[in-house]
Amino acid sequence: MAGYENYLAVVYHSGPSIYGCQSLRMKVIDMSTRKYKTIIDCECPISRQAVIVWFGFSDEGQLYSFDTEGVMRSFSFVSE
């Protein structure tokens, strides 16, 4: 999990691993109201045979992940 301002980002297993590839999903939730609106609900890519080492927001609010293969990924989302 990671947080930034009113946003909470969560990565979780959505199924079993297949041929060394993890099945991960990511949700970004707007926590500013009690409705907890989901902004993003999508797959979270990761390198084969890897695990996520770091997941979080930058100081500017950009969401990133970093895996054990040395791959950094950036995720974009637009809030309403």
C-alpha atoms as a PDB file:
ATOM      1  CA  MET A   1       0.000   0.000   0.000  1.00  0.00           C
ATOM      2  CA  ALA A   2       1.004   3.590  -0.574  1.00  0.00           C
ATOM      3  CA  GLY A   3      -0.682   6.897   0.072  1.00  0.00           C
ATOM      4  CA  TYR A   4      -0.544  10.414  -1.317  1.00  0.00           C
ATOM      5  CA  GLU A   5      -2.848  13.237  -0.225  1.00  0.00           C
ATOM      6  CA  ASN A   6      -6.356  11.698  -0.496  1.00  0.00           C
ATOM      7  CA  TYR A   7      -5.291   8.641  -2.534  1.00  0.00           C
ATOM      8  CA  LEU A   8      -4.582   5.115  -1.354  1.00  0.00           C
ATOM      9  CA  ALA A   9      -2.894   2.692  -3.788  1.00  0.00           C
ATOM     10  CA  VAL A  10      -2.976  -1.054  -3.106  1.00  0.00           C
ATOM     11  CA  VAL A  11      -1.299  -3.926  -5.010  1.00  0.00           C
ATOM     12  CA  TYR A  12      -2.619  -7.423  -4.340  1.00  0.00           C
ATOM     13  CA  HIS A  13      -2.528 -10.981  -5.725  1.00  0.00           C
ATOM     14  CA  SER A  14      -5.521 -11.639  -7.964  1.00  0.00           C
ATOM     15  CA  GLY A  15      -4.741 -15.267  -8.729  1.00  0.00           C
ATOM     16  CA  PRO A  16      -2.070 -17.958  -8.735  1.00  0.00           C
ATOM     17  CA  SER A  17       1.340 -17.547 -10.326  1.00  0.00           C
ATOM     18  CA  ILE A  18       1.559 -19.034 -13.839  1.00  0.00           C
ATOM     19  CA  TYR A  19       4.956 -19.962 -15.351  1.00  0.00           C
ATOM     20  CA  GLY A  20       6.760 -17.657 -12.938  1.00  0.00           C
ATOM     21  CA  CYS A  21       4.539 -14.655 -13.675  1.00  0.00           C
ATOM     22  CA  GLN A  22       2.657 -13.226 -10.732  1.00  0.00           C
ATOM     23  CA  SER A  23      -0.944 -12.189 -11.187  1.00  0.00           C
ATOM     24  CA  LEU A  24      -1.099  -8.786  -9.522  1.00  0.00           C
ATOM     25  CA  ARG A  25      -3.765  -6.080  -9.578  1.00  0.00           C
ATOM     26  CA  MET A  26      -3.654  -2.493  -8.450  1.00  0.00           C
ATOM     27  CA  LYS A  27      -6.368  -0.217  -7.093  1.00  0.00           C
ATOM     28  CA  VAL A  28      -6.146   3.499  -6.478  1.00  0.00           C
ATOM     29  CA  ILE A  29      -8.902   4.716  -4.176  1.00  0.00           C
ATOM     30  CA  ASP A  30      -9.964   8.306  -3.516  1.00  0.00           C
ATOM     31  CA  MET A  31     -10.320   8.497   0.271  1.00  0.00           C
ATOM     32  CA  SER A  32     -11.521  12.140   0.378  1.00  0.00           C
ATOM     33  CA  THR A  33     -15.156  11.141   0.979  1.00  0.00           C
ATOM     34  CA  ARG A  34     -16.814   8.218   2.710  1.00  0.00           C
ATOM     35  CA  LYS A  35     -17.763   6.768  -0.697  1.00  0.00           C
ATOM     36  CA  TYR A  36     -14.138   5.635  -1.256  1.00  0.00           C
ATOM     37  CA  LYS A  37     -14.359   5.886  -5.048  1.00  0.00           C
ATOM     38  CA  THR A  38     -12.039   3.575  -7.026  1.00  0.00           C
ATOM     39  CA  ILE A  39     -10.048   5.659  -9.519  1.00  0.00           C
ATOM     40  CA  ILE A  40      -8.061   2.759 -11.027  1.00  0.00           C
ATOM     41  CA  ASP A  41      -8.658  -0.997 -10.952  1.00  0.00           C
ATOM     42  CA  CYS A  42      -6.218  -2.660 -13.352  1.00  0.00           C
ATOM     43  CA  GLU A  43      -3.479  -5.254 -13.691  1.00  0.00           C
ATOM     44  CA  CYS A  44      -0.111  -4.336 -12.204  1.00  0.00           C
ATOM     45  CA  PRO A  45       2.645  -5.535 -14.563  1.00  0.00           C
ATOM     46  CA  ILE A  46       5.811  -7.053 -13.153  1.00  0.00           C
ATOM     47  CA  SER A  47       8.833  -8.750 -14.725  1.00  0.00           C
ATOM     48  CA  ARG A  48       8.869 -12.546 -15.026  1.00  0.00           C
ATOM     49  CA  GLN A  49      10.322 -14.306 -11.947  1.00  0.00           C
ATOM     50  CA  ALA A  50      10.366 -10.975 -10.060  1.00  0.00           C
ATOM     51  CA  VAL A  51       8.756  -9.483  -6.982  1.00  0.00           C
ATOM     52  CA  ILE A  52       7.916  -5.876  -6.245  1.00  0.00           C
ATOM     53  CA  VAL A  53      10.644  -4.277  -4.143  1.00  0.00           C
ATOM     54  CA  TRP A  54       9.135  -0.795  -3.884  1.00  0.00           C
ATOM     55  CA  PHE A  55       5.730   0.710  -4.671  1.00  0.00           C
ATOM     56  CA  GLY A  56       4.740   4.278  -3.937  1.00  0.00           C
ATOM     57  CA  PHE A  57       4.097   7.858  -4.907  1.00  0.00           C
ATOM     58  CA  SER A  58       6.688  10.490  -5.767  1.00  0.00           C
ATOM     59  CA  ASP A  59       6.631  13.880  -4.054  1.00  0.00           C
ATOM     60  CA  GLU A  60       4.567  15.154  -6.995  1.00  0.00           C
ATOM     61  CA  GLY A  61       1.990  12.331  -6.793  1.00  0.00           C
ATOM     62  CA  GLN A  62       3.234  10.087  -9.617  1.00  0.00           C
ATOM     63  CA  LEU A  63       2.748   6.383  -8.841  1.00  0.00           C
ATOM     64  CA  TYR A  64       5.717   4.012  -9.417  1.00  0.00           C
ATOM     65  CA  SER A  65       6.700   0.389  -8.876  1.00  0.00           C
ATOM     66  CA  PHE A  66      10.178  -1.165  -8.864  1.00  0.00           C
ATOM     67  CA  ASP A  67      10.850  -4.904  -9.118  1.00  0.00           C
ATOM     68  CA  THR A  68      13.789  -7.237  -8.442  1.00  0.00           C
ATOM     69  CA  GLU A  69      14.741  -7.245 -12.149  1.00  0.00           C
ATOM     70  CA  GLY A  70      15.531  -3.535 -11.850  1.00  0.00           C
ATOM     71  CA  VAL A  71      12.509  -2.377 -13.851  1.00  0.00           C
ATOM     72  CA  MET A  72      10.752   0.792 -12.719  1.00  0.00           C
ATOM     73  CA  ARG A  73       7.234   1.385 -13.977  1.00  0.00           C
ATOM     74  CA  SER A  74       5.201   4.575 -13.854  1.00  0.00           C
ATOM     75  CA  PHE A  75       1.404   4.618 -13.643  1.00  0.00           C
ATOM     76  CA  SER A  76      -0.833   7.481 -14.680  1.00  0.00           C
ATOM     77  CA  PHE A  77      -4.286   8.293 -13.425  1.00  0.00           C
ATOM     78  CA  VAL A  78      -6.524  11.313 -13.720  1.00  0.00           C
ATOM     79  CA  SER A  79      -8.694  12.341 -10.810  1.00  0.00           C
ATOM     80  CA  GLU A  80     -12.017  14.015 -11.438  1.00  0.00           C
END
